[in-house]
Every structure is written in C-alpha cells, then in structure tokens.
C-alpha atoms as a PDB file:
ATOM      1  CA  UNK A   1      91.761 134.948  93.753  1.00  0.00           C
ATOM      2  CA  UNK A   2      90.410 134.788  97.302  1.00  0.00           C
ATOM      3  CA  UNK A   3      93.853 135.244  98.856  1.00  0.00           C
ATOM      4  CA  UNK A   4      94.421 138.704 100.317  1.00  0.00           C
ATOM      5  CA  UNK A   5      96.671 140.889  98.161  1.00  0.00           C
ATOM      6  CA  UNK A   6      98.306 142.473 101.195  1.00  0.00           C
ATOM      7  CA  UNK A   7     100.637 139.603 102.138  1.00  0.00           C
ATOM      8  CA  UNK A   8     104.403 139.281 102.330  1.00  0.00           C
ATOM      9  CA  UNK A   9     104.858 135.521 101.952  1.00  0.00           C
ATOM     10  CA  UNK A  10     102.975 132.393 100.872  1.00  0.00           C
ATOM     11  CA  UNK A  11     103.159 129.127 102.802  1.00  0.00           C
ATOM     12  CA  UNK A  12     101.442 126.392 100.778  1.00  0.00           C
ATOM     13  CA  UNK A  13     101.130 123.058 102.534  1.00  0.00           C
ATOM     14  CA  UNK A  14     101.317 119.646 100.854  1.00  0.00           C
ATOM     15  CA  UNK A  15      99.973 118.989  97.347  1.00  0.00           C
ATOM     16  CA  UNK A  16      97.794 121.186  95.084  1.00  0.00           C
ATOM     17  CA  UNK A  17      98.381 124.260  97.247  1.00  0.00           C
ATOM     18  CA  UNK A  18     101.862 124.812  95.787  1.00  0.00           C
ATOM     19  CA  UNK A  19     100.199 125.265  92.396  1.00  0.00           C
ATOM     20  CA  UNK A  20      97.863 127.877  93.853  1.00  0.00           C
ATOM     21  CA  UNK A  21     100.912 129.685  95.224  1.00  0.00           C
ATOM     22  CA  UNK A  22     102.579 129.662  91.799  1.00  0.00           C
ATOM     23  CA  UNK A  23      99.457 131.127  90.161  1.00  0.00           C
ATOM     24  CA  UNK A  24      99.253 133.808  92.853  1.00  0.00           C
ATOM     25  CA  UNK A  25     102.885 134.775  92.347  1.00  0.00           C
ATOM     26  CA  UNK A  26     102.363 135.027  88.602  1.00  0.00           C
ATOM     27  CA  UNK A  27      98.965 136.698  88.397  1.00  0.00           C
ATOM     28  CA  UNK A  28      98.517 138.679  91.605  1.00  0.00           C
ATOM     29  CA  UNK A  29     101.709 139.482  93.477  1.00  0.00           C
ATOM     30  CA  UNK A  30     105.206 138.060  93.236  1.00  0.00           C
ATOM     31  CA  UNK A  31     105.947 137.329  96.888  1.00  0.00           C
ATOM     32  CA  UNK A  32     108.216 134.578  98.279  1.00  0.00           C
ATOM     33  CA  UNK A  33     106.751 131.124  98.778  1.00  0.00           C
ATOM     34  CA  UNK A  34     107.919 128.528 101.335  1.00  0.00           C
ATOM     35  CA  UNK A  35     106.276 125.209 100.511  1.00  0.00           C
ATOM     36  CA  UNK A  36     105.842 122.480 103.136  1.00  0.00           C
ATOM     37  CA  UNK A  37     105.995 119.282 101.063  1.00  0.00           C
ATOM     38  CA  UNK A  38     104.654 116.227 102.892  1.00  0.00           C
ATOM     39  CA  UNK A  39     105.137 113.908  99.914  1.00  0.00           C
ATOM     40  CA  UNK A  40     106.783 114.384  96.517  1.00  0.00           C
ATOM     41  CA  UNK A  41     103.871 115.123  94.128  1.00  0.00           C
ATOM     42  CA  UNK A  42     105.408 113.838  90.885  1.00  0.00           C
ATOM     43  CA  UNK A  43     104.169 110.813  88.975  1.00  0.00           C
ATOM     44  CA  UNK A  44     107.707 109.411  88.955  1.00  0.00           C
ATOM     45  CA  UNK A  45     107.629 109.356  92.742  1.00  0.00           C
ATOM     46  CA  UNK A  46     104.171 107.759  92.717  1.00  0.00           C
ATOM     47  CA  UNK A  47     105.549 104.970  90.522  1.00  0.00           C
ATOM     48  CA  UNK A  48     108.527 104.485  92.860  1.00  0.00           C
ATOM     49  CA  UNK A  49     106.183 104.378  95.848  1.00  0.00           C
ATOM     50  CA  UNK A  50     103.932 101.901  94.041  1.00  0.00           C
ATOM     51  CA  UNK A  51     106.843  99.535  93.508  1.00  0.00           C
ATOM     52  CA  UNK A  52     107.896  99.844  97.153  1.00  0.00           C
ATOM     53  CA  UNK A  53     104.509  98.812  98.521  1.00  0.00           C
ATOM     54  CA  UNK A  54     103.636  96.329  95.769  1.00  0.00           C
ATOM     55  CA  UNK A  55     106.376  94.427  93.863  1.00  0.00           C
ATOM     56  CA  UNK A  56     103.864  93.626  91.095  1.00  0.00           C
ATOM     57  CA  UNK A  57     103.131  97.298  90.429  1.00  0.00           C
ATOM     58  CA  UNK A  58     103.729  98.252  86.783  1.00  0.00           C
ATOM     59  CA  UNK A  59     103.258 101.367  84.646  1.00  0.00           C
ATOM     60  CA  UNK A  60     102.877 100.956  80.893  1.00  0.00           C
ATOM     61  CA  UNK A  61     105.643 102.477  78.739  1.00  0.00           C
ATOM     62  CA  UNK A  62     103.394 105.003  76.984  1.00  0.00           C
ATOM     63  CA  UNK A  63     102.049 106.111  80.360  1.00  0.00           C
ATOM     64  CA  UNK A  64     105.597 106.535  81.726  1.00  0.00           C
ATOM     65  CA  UNK A  65     106.461 108.780  78.767  1.00  0.00           C
ATOM     66  CA  UNK A  66     103.288 110.811  79.277  1.00  0.00           C
ATOM     67  CA  UNK A  67     104.020 111.112  82.993  1.00  0.00           C
ATOM     68  CA  UNK A  68     107.552 112.364  82.256  1.00  0.00           C
ATOM     69  CA  UNK A  69     106.191 115.272  80.244  1.00  0.00           C
ATOM     70  CA  UNK A  70     103.519 116.019  82.856  1.00  0.00           C
ATOM     71  CA  UNK A  71     106.135 116.032  85.613  1.00  0.00           C
ATOM     72  CA  UNK A  72     108.425 118.284  83.573  1.00  0.00           C
ATOM     73  CA  UNK A  73     105.591 120.786  83.131  1.00  0.00           C
ATOM     74  CA  UNK A  74     104.711 120.634  86.839  1.00  0.00           C
ATOM     75  CA  UNK A  75     108.326 121.149  87.849  1.00  0.00           C
ATOM     76  CA  UNK A  76     108.820 124.147  85.589  1.00  0.00           C
ATOM     77  CA  UNK A  77     105.452 125.813  86.043  1.00  0.00           C
ATOM     78  CA  UNK A  78     104.664 125.261  89.704  1.00  0.00           C
ATOM     79  CA  UNK A  79     107.613 123.886  91.693  1.00  0.00           C
ATOM     80  CA  UNK A  80     110.399 126.040  90.263  1.00  0.00           C
ATOM     81  CA  UNK A  81     108.739 129.260  91.590  1.00  0.00           C
ATOM     82  CA  UNK A  82     108.921 128.024  95.208  1.00  0.00           C
ATOM     83  CA  UNK A  83     111.747 129.874  96.957  1.00  0.00           C
ATOM     84  CA  UNK A  84     112.025 127.294  99.744  1.00  0.00           C
ATOM     85  CA  UNK A  85     110.863 123.716 100.263  1.00  0.00           C
ATOM     86  CA  UNK A  86     110.447 122.150 103.694  1.00  0.00           C
ATOM     87  CA  UNK A  87     110.128 118.416 104.323  1.00  0.00           C
ATOM     88  CA  UNK A  88     109.529 116.319 107.419  1.00  0.00           C
ATOM     89  CA  UNK A  89     112.428 113.875 107.243  1.00  0.00           C
ATOM     90  CA  UNK A  90     115.858 113.276 105.745  1.00  0.00           C
ATOM     91  CA  UNK A  91     114.385 110.602 103.479  1.00  0.00           C
ATOM     92  CA  UNK A  92     112.108 113.251 101.958  1.00  0.00           C
ATOM     93  CA  UNK A  93     115.013 115.632 101.571  1.00  0.00           C
ATOM     94  CA  UNK A  94     116.758 112.975  99.488  1.00  0.00           C
ATOM     95  CA  UNK A  95     113.565 112.398  97.501  1.00  0.00           C
ATOM     96  CA  UNK A  96     113.323 116.122  96.777  1.00  0.00           C
ATOM     97  CA  UNK A  97     116.824 116.006  95.329  1.00  0.00           C
ATOM     98  CA  UNK A  98     116.111 112.840  93.362  1.00  0.00           C
ATOM     99  CA  UNK A  99     112.682 113.646  91.917  1.00  0.00           C
ATOM    100  CA  UNK A 100     112.628 117.455  91.913  1.00  0.00           C
ATOM    101  CA  UNK A 101     116.294 118.377  91.593  1.00  0.00           C
ATOM    102  CA  UNK A 102     115.782 120.746  94.548  1.00  0.00           C
ATOM    103  CA  UNK A 103     117.352 121.159  97.960  1.00  0.00           C
ATOM    104  CA  UNK A 104     114.948 121.076 100.894  1.00  0.00           C
ATOM    105  CA  UNK A 105     115.116 121.917 104.583  1.00  0.00           C
ATOM    106  CA  UNK A 106     114.061 119.337 107.160  1.00  0.00           C
ATOM    107  CA  UNK A 107     111.463 120.798 109.523  1.00  0.00           C
ATOM    108  CA  UNK A 108     109.984 118.259 111.925  1.00  0.00           C
ATOM    109  CA  UNK A 109     106.324 118.800 112.779  1.00  0.00           C
ATOM    110  CA  UNK A 110     105.281 118.183 116.362  1.00  0.00           C
ATOM    111  CA  UNK A 111     102.260 117.619 118.544  1.00  0.00           C
ATOM    112  CA  UNK A 112     100.463 119.449 121.327  1.00  0.00           C
ATOM    113  CA  UNK A 113     101.657 117.349 124.256  1.00  0.00           C
ATOM    114  CA  UNK A 114      98.837 118.703 126.415  1.00  0.00           C
ATOM    115  CA  UNK A 115      96.353 116.825 124.210  1.00  0.00           C
ATOM    116  CA  UNK A 116      98.130 113.522 124.921  1.00  0.00           C
ATOM    117  CA  UNK A 117      98.513 113.240 128.699  1.00  0.00           C
ATOM    118  CA  UNK A 118     101.009 110.824 130.148  1.00  0.00           C
ATOM    119  CA  UNK A 119      99.544 107.767 131.876  1.00  0.00           C
ATOM    120  CA  UNK A 120     101.892 105.788 134.078  1.00  0.00           C
ATOM    121  CA  UNK A 121     101.377 102.090 133.542  1.00  0.00           C
ATOM    122  CA  UNK A 122     102.698  98.785 134.774  1.00  0.00           C
ATOM    123  CA  UNK A 123     104.766  96.608 132.419  1.00  0.00           C
ATOM    124  CA  UNK A 124     102.731  93.861 130.737  1.00  0.00           C
ATOM    125  CA  UNK A 125     102.381  90.609 132.631  1.00  0.00           C
ATOM    126  CA  UNK A 126     104.502  87.822 131.167  1.00  0.00           C
ATOM    127  CA  UNK A 127     102.512  85.851 128.635  1.00  0.00           C
ATOM    128  CA  UNK A 128      99.956  88.587 127.925  1.00  0.00           C
ATOM    129  CA  UNK A 129     100.417  91.802 125.934  1.00  0.00           C
ATOM    130  CA  UNK A 130      98.102  94.260 124.166  1.00  0.00           C
ATOM    131  CA  UNK A 131      99.362  95.914 120.979  1.00  0.00           C
ATOM    132  CA  UNK A 132      98.011  98.951 119.123  1.00  0.00           C
ATOM    133  CA  UNK A 133      98.393 100.281 115.569  1.00  0.00           C
ATOM    134  CA  UNK A 134      96.715 103.406 114.220  1.00  0.00           C
ATOM    135  CA  UNK A 135      96.371 105.140 110.861  1.00  0.00           C
ATOM    136  CA  UNK A 136      94.205 105.424 107.766  1.00  0.00           C
ATOM    137  CA  UNK A 137      94.347 102.144 105.852  1.00  0.00           C
ATOM    138  CA  UNK A 138      97.064 102.493 103.214  1.00  0.00           C
ATOM    139  CA  UNK A 139      99.521  99.893 101.957  1.00  0.00           C
ATOM    140  CA  UNK A 140     102.551 101.558 103.458  1.00  0.00           C
ATOM    141  CA  UNK A 141     101.071 100.891 106.924  1.00  0.00           C
ATOM    142  CA  UNK A 142     102.360  97.309 106.575  1.00  0.00           C
ATOM    143  CA  UNK A 143      99.666  96.010 108.916  1.00  0.00           C
ATOM    144  CA  UNK A 144     100.401  92.563 107.530  1.00  0.00           C
ATOM    145  CA  UNK A 145     103.696  92.673 109.434  1.00  0.00           C
ATOM    146  CA  UNK A 146     101.923  93.443 112.701  1.00  0.00           C
ATOM    147  CA  UNK A 147      99.451  90.620 112.087  1.00  0.00           C
ATOM    148  CA  UNK A 148     102.255  88.195 111.236  1.00  0.00           C
ATOM    149  CA  UNK A 149     103.923  89.168 114.517  1.00  0.00           C
ATOM    150  CA  UNK A 150     100.728  88.437 116.460  1.00  0.00           C
ATOM    151  CA  UNK A 151     100.526  85.006 114.835  1.00  0.00           C
ATOM    152  CA  UNK A 152     104.136  84.200 115.765  1.00  0.00           C
ATOM    153  CA  UNK A 153     103.606  85.367 119.348  1.00  0.00           C
ATOM    154  CA  UNK A 154     100.420  83.305 119.590  1.00  0.00           C
ATOM    155  CA  UNK A 155     102.215  80.206 118.330  1.00  0.00           C
ATOM    156  CA  UNK A 156     104.829  80.771 121.037  1.00  0.00           C
ATOM    157  CA  UNK A 157     102.171  80.744 123.731  1.00  0.00           C
ATOM    158  CA  UNK A 158     101.951  84.523 124.264  1.00  0.00           C
ATOM    159  CA  UNK A 159      98.437  85.907 124.587  1.00  0.00           C
ATOM    160  CA  UNK A 160      99.001  88.849 122.237  1.00  0.00           C
ATOM    161  CA  UNK A 161      96.122  91.010 121.029  1.00  0.00           C
ATOM    162  CA  UNK A 162      96.243  93.728 118.367  1.00  0.00           C
ATOM    163  CA  UNK A 163      93.824  96.645 118.022  1.00  0.00           C
ATOM    164  CA  UNK A 164      93.900  98.495 114.698  1.00  0.00           C
ATOM    165  CA  UNK A 165      92.414 101.990 114.668  1.00  0.00           C
ATOM    166  CA  UNK A 166      91.870 103.743 111.336  1.00  0.00           C
ATOM    167  CA  UNK A 167      89.485 104.663 108.547  1.00  0.00           C
ATOM    168  CA  UNK A 168      89.161 101.718 106.141  1.00  0.00           C
ATOM    169  CA  UNK A 169      87.433 103.655 103.345  1.00  0.00           C
ATOM    170  CA  UNK A 170      90.612 105.101 101.825  1.00  0.00           C
ATOM    171  CA  UNK A 171      91.749 101.707 100.495  1.00  0.00           C
ATOM    172  CA  UNK A 172      88.936  99.203 100.805  1.00  0.00           C
ATOM    173  CA  UNK A 173      90.864  96.556  98.874  1.00  0.00           C
ATOM    174  CA  UNK A 174      93.800  96.695 101.273  1.00  0.00           C
ATOM    175  CA  UNK A 175      91.433  96.657 104.254  1.00  0.00           C
ATOM    176  CA  UNK A 176      89.776  93.506 102.947  1.00  0.00           C
ATOM    177  CA  UNK A 177      93.176  91.885 102.309  1.00  0.00           C
ATOM    178  CA  UNK A 178      94.156  92.563 105.924  1.00  0.00           C
ATOM    179  CA  UNK A 179      90.899  91.110 107.254  1.00  0.00           C
ATOM    180  CA  UNK A 180      91.340  88.075 105.029  1.00  0.00           C
ATOM    181  CA  UNK A 181      94.862  87.608 106.348  1.00  0.00           C
ATOM    182  CA  UNK A 182      93.534  87.597 109.913  1.00  0.00           C
ATOM    183  CA  UNK A 183      91.023  84.893 108.968  1.00  0.00           C
ATOM    184  CA  UNK A 184      93.633  82.809 107.138  1.00  0.00           C
ATOM    185  CA  UNK A 185      95.970  82.933 110.136  1.00  0.00           C
ATOM    186  CA  UNK A 186      93.030  82.042 112.414  1.00  0.00           C
ATOM    187  CA  UNK A 187      93.655  84.862 114.875  1.00  0.00           C
ATOM    188  CA  UNK A 188      90.291  86.595 114.600  1.00  0.00           C
ATOM    189  CA  UNK A 189      89.983  86.421 118.385  1.00  0.00           C
ATOM    190  CA  UNK A 190      93.262  88.344 118.757  1.00  0.00           C
ATOM    191  CA  UNK A 191      92.909  91.160 116.170  1.00  0.00           C
ATOM    192  CA  UNK A 192      90.280  93.881 116.525  1.00  0.00           C
ATOM    193  CA  UNK A 193      89.329  96.592 114.014  1.00  0.00           C
ATOM    194  CA  UNK A 194      88.057  99.795 115.632  1.00  0.00           C
ATOM    195  CA  UNK A 195      87.600 101.929 112.510  1.00  0.00           C
ATOM    196  CA  UNK A 196      87.512 105.685 112.969  1.00  0.00           C
ATOM    197  CA  UNK A 197      87.485 106.935 116.543  1.00  0.00           C
ATOM    198  CA  UNK A 198      87.278 110.310 118.263  1.00  0.00           C
ATOM    199  CA  UNK A 199      90.362 112.110 119.552  1.00  0.00           C
ATOM    200  CA  UNK A 200      89.346 111.222 123.092  1.00  0.00           C
ATOM    201  CA  UNK A 201      88.999 107.531 122.215  1.00  0.00           C
ATOM    202  CA  UNK A 202      92.380 107.583 120.483  1.00  0.00           C
ATOM    203  CA  UNK A 203      94.080 108.993 123.572  1.00  0.00           C
ATOM    204  CA  UNK A 204      92.412 106.362 125.765  1.00  0.00           C
ATOM    205  CA  UNK A 205      93.601 103.657 123.359  1.00  0.00           C
ATOM    206  CA  UNK A 206      97.197 104.922 123.602  1.00  0.00           C
ATOM    207  CA  UNK A 207      96.944 104.888 127.390  1.00  0.00           C
ATOM    208  CA  UNK A 208      95.184 101.509 127.619  1.00  0.00           C
ATOM    209  CA  UNK A 209      97.452  99.413 125.388  1.00  0.00           C
ATOM    210  CA  UNK A 210     100.855  98.088 126.398  1.00  0.00           C
ATOM    211  CA  UNK A 211     102.830  98.755 123.179  1.00  0.00           C
ATOM    212  CA  UNK A 212     102.328 100.837 120.034  1.00  0.00           C
ATOM    213  CA  UNK A 213     103.452  99.310 116.720  1.00  0.00           C
ATOM    214  CA  UNK A 214     104.481 101.409 113.722  1.00  0.00           C
ATOM    215  CA  UNK A 215     105.664  98.960 111.011  1.00  0.00           C
ATOM    216  CA  UNK A 216     105.101 101.500 108.205  1.00  0.00           C
ATOM    217  CA  UNK A 217     107.336 101.415 105.118  1.00  0.00           C
ATOM    218  CA  UNK A 218     107.843 103.788 103.424  1.00  0.00           C
ATOM    219  CA  UNK A 219     106.398 106.505 105.659  1.00  0.00           C
ATOM    220  CA  UNK A 220     107.175 110.208 105.430  1.00  0.00           C
ATOM    221  CA  UNK A 221     107.060 110.955 109.152  1.00  0.00           C
ATOM    222  CA  UNK A 222     104.584 109.458 111.650  1.00  0.00           C
ATOM    223  CA  UNK A 223     102.973 111.725 114.240  1.00  0.00           C
ATOM    224  CA  UNK A 224     101.100 108.761 115.725  1.00  0.00           C
ATOM    225  CA  UNK A 225     104.432 107.491 117.059  1.00  0.00           C
ATOM    226  CA  UNK A 226     104.928 110.649 119.091  1.00  0.00           C
ATOM    227  CA  UNK A 227     101.314 110.784 120.247  1.00  0.00           C
ATOM    228  CA  UNK A 228     101.744 107.300 121.701  1.00  0.00           C
ATOM    229  CA  UNK A 229     105.078 108.235 123.286  1.00  0.00           C
ATOM    230  CA  UNK A 230     103.528 111.329 124.864  1.00  0.00           C
ATOM    231  CA  UNK A 231     100.916 109.091 126.476  1.00  0.00           C
ATOM    232  CA  UNK A 232     103.673 106.896 127.904  1.00  0.00           C
ATOM    233  CA  UNK A 233     103.221 103.961 125.539  1.00  0.00           C
ATOM    234  CA  UNK A 234     106.503 102.302 124.512  1.00  0.00           C
ATOM    235  CA  UNK A 235     106.804 102.228 120.717  1.00  0.00           C
ATOM    236  CA  UNK A 236     108.252  99.776 118.192  1.00  0.00           C
ATOM    237  CA  UNK A 237     109.061 101.696 115.011  1.00  0.00           C
ATOM    238  CA  UNK A 238     110.159 100.564 111.559  1.00  0.00           C
ATOM    239  CA  UNK A 239     113.312 102.103 110.151  1.00  0.00           C
ATOM    240  CA  UNK A 240     111.277 102.585 106.979  1.00  0.00           C
ATOM    241  CA  UNK A 241     109.400 105.408 108.713  1.00  0.00           C
ATOM    242  CA  UNK A 242     110.794 108.942 108.895  1.00  0.00           C
ATOM    243  CA  UNK A 243     109.956 109.051 112.597  1.00  0.00           C
ATOM    244  CA  UNK A 244     112.824 106.673 113.335  1.00  0.00           C
ATOM    245  CA  UNK A 245     115.373 109.317 112.272  1.00  0.00           C
ATOM    246  CA  UNK A 246     114.981 111.213 115.550  1.00  0.00           C
ATOM    247  CA  UNK A 247     114.680 108.177 117.825  1.00  0.00           C
ATOM    248  CA  UNK A 248     117.403 106.139 119.513  1.00  0.00           C
ATOM    249  CA  UNK A 249     117.055 102.376 119.793  1.00  0.00           C
ATOM    250  CA  UNK A 250     116.620 101.142 123.374  1.00  0.00           C
ATOM    251  CA  UNK A 251     116.807 104.692 124.694  1.00  0.00           C
ATOM    252  CA  UNK A 252     113.392 106.095 123.815  1.00  0.00           C
ATOM    253  CA  UNK A 253     112.032 103.464 121.388  1.00  0.00           C
ATOM    254  CA  UNK A 254     112.732 100.068 119.889  1.00  0.00           C
ATOM    255  CA  UNK A 255     113.663 100.229 116.203  1.00  0.00           C
ATOM    256  CA  UNK A 256     113.223  97.340 113.768  1.00  0.00           C
ATOM    257  CA  UNK A 257     113.968  96.755 110.114  1.00  0.00           C
ATOM    258  CA  UNK A 258     111.035  97.322 107.736  1.00  0.00           C
ATOM    259  CA  UNK A 259     108.967  94.344 106.639  1.00  0.00           C
ATOM    260  CA  UNK A 260     110.454  92.189 109.398  1.00  0.00           C
ATOM    261  CA  UNK A 261     107.703  90.633 111.566  1.00  0.00           C
ATOM    262  CA  UNK A 262     110.205  88.523 113.507  1.00  0.00           C
ATOM    263  CA  UNK A 263     112.062  91.652 114.591  1.00  0.00           C
ATOM    264  CA  UNK A 264     108.734  93.048 115.835  1.00  0.00           C
ATOM    265  CA  UNK A 265     108.240  89.820 117.785  1.00  0.00           C
ATOM    266  CA  UNK A 266     111.730  90.078 119.299  1.00  0.00           C
ATOM    267  CA  UNK A 267     111.050  93.700 120.313  1.00  0.00           C
ATOM    268  CA  UNK A 268     107.707  92.804 121.921  1.00  0.00           C
ATOM    269  CA  UNK A 269     109.325  89.917 123.788  1.00  0.00           C
ATOM    270  CA  UNK A 270     112.114  92.212 125.008  1.00  0.00           C
ATOM    271  CA  UNK A 271     109.558  94.616 126.500  1.00  0.00           C
ATOM    272  CA  UNK A 272     107.567  91.804 128.114  1.00  0.00           C
ATOM    273  CA  UNK A 273     110.702  90.121 129.463  1.00  0.00           C
ATOM    274  CA  UNK A 274     112.354  93.294 130.804  1.00  0.00           C
ATOM    275  CA  UNK A 275     110.087  95.469 133.004  1.00  0.00           C
ATOM    276  CA  UNK A 276     112.921  97.943 133.574  1.00  0.00           C
ATOM    277  CA  UNK A 277     113.313  98.512 129.822  1.00  0.00           C
ATOM    278  CA  UNK A 278     109.552  98.899 129.451  1.00  0.00           C
ATOM    279  CA  UNK A 279     109.315 101.500 132.225  1.00  0.00           C
ATOM    280  CA  UNK A 280     112.365 103.380 130.960  1.00  0.00           C
ATOM    281  CA  UNK A 281     110.989 103.681 127.407  1.00  0.00           C
ATOM    282  CA  UNK A 282     107.650 104.848 128.800  1.00  0.00           C
ATOM    283  CA  UNK A 283     109.233 107.666 130.809  1.00  0.00           C
ATOM    284  CA  UNK A 284     111.876 108.668 128.280  1.00  0.00           C
ATOM    285  CA  UNK A 285     109.396 108.588 125.424  1.00  0.00           C
ATOM    286  CA  UNK A 286     107.282 111.251 127.082  1.00  0.00           C
ATOM    287  CA  UNK A 287     110.329 113.336 127.973  1.00  0.00           C
ATOM    288  CA  UNK A 288     111.633 113.144 124.399  1.00  0.00           C
ATOM    289  CA  UNK A 289     108.394 114.454 122.910  1.00  0.00           C
ATOM    290  CA  UNK A 290     108.182 117.262 125.451  1.00  0.00           C
ATOM    291  CA  UNK A 291     111.760 118.370 124.792  1.00  0.00           C
ATOM    292  CA  UNK A 292     112.052 117.873 121.042  1.00  0.00           C
ATOM    293  CA  UNK A 293     108.682 117.885 119.299  1.00  0.00           C
ATOM    294  CA  UNK A 294     106.588 120.700 120.707  1.00  0.00           C
ATOM    295  CA  UNK A 295     104.964 123.180 118.326  1.00  0.00           C
ATOM    296  CA  UNK A 296     107.321 125.914 119.547  1.00  0.00           C
ATOM    297  CA  UNK A 297     110.258 124.066 117.940  1.00  0.00           C
ATOM    298  CA  UNK A 298     108.309 123.714 114.690  1.00  0.00           C
ATOM    299  CA  UNK A 299     107.365 127.411 114.727  1.00  0.00           C
ATOM    300  CA  UNK A 300     111.005 128.484 115.208  1.00  0.00           C
ATOM    301  CA  UNK A 301     112.182 126.285 112.322  1.00  0.00           C
ATOM    302  CA  UNK A 302     109.440 127.536 109.997  1.00  0.00           C
ATOM    303  CA  UNK A 303     110.192 131.150 110.874  1.00  0.00           C
ATOM    304  CA  UNK A 304     113.823 130.578 109.915  1.00  0.00           C
ATOM    305  CA  UNK A 305     112.653 129.051 106.620  1.00  0.00           C
ATOM    306  CA  UNK A 306     110.415 132.068 105.950  1.00  0.00           C
ATOM    307  CA  UNK A 307     113.337 134.421 106.500  1.00  0.00           C
ATOM    308  CA  UNK A 308     115.478 132.502 103.999  1.00  0.00           C
ATOM    309  CA  UNK A 309     112.642 132.584 101.470  1.00  0.00           C
ATOM    310  CA  UNK A 310     112.293 136.342 101.800  1.00  0.00           C
ATOM    311  CA  UNK A 311     116.025 136.861 101.308  1.00  0.00           C
ATOM    312  CA  UNK A 312     115.995 135.248  97.844  1.00  0.00           C
END
C-alpha cells in the first residue's frame, strides 16, 4: 500500500477508488471512509443506463445472471464498508437506494468562479443566434436534440449556429453518428465541431456564444452548465440533468423536458424575442453560481460528511 498509515479517514472519489479504500480498511487500518460516488458502479445500473440512452440496448440472460453475482460480491466486499456515500444530485441519491440499497448524502460540487469571468453581452439580434454545447462525446449528451433544434430554427428562417466542443475519441461511433446527422439534415454550414480545447479557449467560447445548451439525459450533474452561467451565458438545461435540480425556470435558467428538441427551440426563441429575459438570466446566472456553487460550500458539506463518517 502506498497510502500513508497515519490517516484518520479515507475519501475515495468515483469508481475503483472505493475498492482501494475497502482493501486499506481491511489490510492496513480500519478507518472511516466517505465515498464520493459520481455514478453508480454496478452492472445493473450500467444496463439501466444503456436502455435509457439506447432503446435497442439488450443484455443476454446468462450475462444478466453473471452480473447479478458480480454486483452482489462488489456490494458486500467493497461498498458495504463505506461509512458514508456522497452523491451530486437527488437523482443519484435515489439510484443509490435502488441499486445499492444505501442512503446517500447530496453534496453539490462547485466551480472556481474566478476561472470563469463574467462577460456582459448584448442580447442576440433577432434572426441570428449562436449556440454552444460542450462535453466529451457520450450518448447521454443528446447532441442529436441540439442538432434537431438547429434544423427547426433554420427552417423557420433563424440563422442559428451551433458549436460543439468536446473530445470525440471516447465514443467514436456516437461522434460519427452525430456528424452523419448533420450531413443528413444539410446544416453542415451551421454546426461546427471544435474537438478538445484549452481552458482559456473554453472560457472564450462561453463568453462569445449567445446561449449554452445542455440537453443531456440522463446526466449526473453538469458543471459545464455553471461554468457557462458564471461567464454570463444564459443556459437551456434538460430536466434529465442533475444540474436542473438547483435551477429555477425563467429565474436563472430555462428548463426543458429531456429529448424534446422543440422545447429547446421554444426556449431559444424566447431568449431571442425577449432581450429583458436574456439580460436577466445572464446577470442572475452569474449571481447564482457565486452564491450557491463556490468551493467553500462544497468544502463545508464534505466536512460535515466526514464528521458523520467518523461518528459511526
């Protein structure tokens, strides 16, 4: 073991690390462990997720049986020893109950607002709007919904453009499907793929575009939403994303149903049509992130979790 023996508490983060913590507790020193679980690590959850993002997803019966035994072993050997579990959203808390049989505490992670400076901007000119989406290419990004929205806006005479920032190597098949969709809809002159960018380029993109789209479903949390808000970019967020749980529709964001391109279109049109709404969401978005999602709030919540873990 490379972990120091002189510690009072373990704080594994996300997958794999919780297993390391369990081994440490068993073989080195039995100290409390407070696990930050970004996503449920069981195979049963993976199958549920697969069906959510792809209706044709199937798991063979013999594999389901095998996965049940593997999950049972994982739950007993590695997850049971965790004194506390933290998750990012209420949806994950429910998933922890459903797939792990464990209670979890919701601890919202935040951003360093200083790294995402606010840029005051004018509302988009009627008939022209620039949209932005960002994230590693994965099926739950639902980029097809954003592209469908651009097509609808284009057909209505709106000059809408969409820039998609994100590494395409994680799911090359999905990336190719998205590019094919753009070609099929004949909007290649409206949709731009930027690939991976630096932190500085990402901030400039937030500040340069009119609206940030987050159609993700299902999505654990969504820090990109709050990065955009910190930069003053009004956001349109799917209710399938955990980020929506802390937002208020038409107060600091516009919320839409998941997998609903026409609702995205209606939200974009509302922001283009109503400069006062656009400016209000820009200002209040920044204020919300400053007040609610700084790292100091996250640190306080995690400290409280650590104290509960050490009391068990």
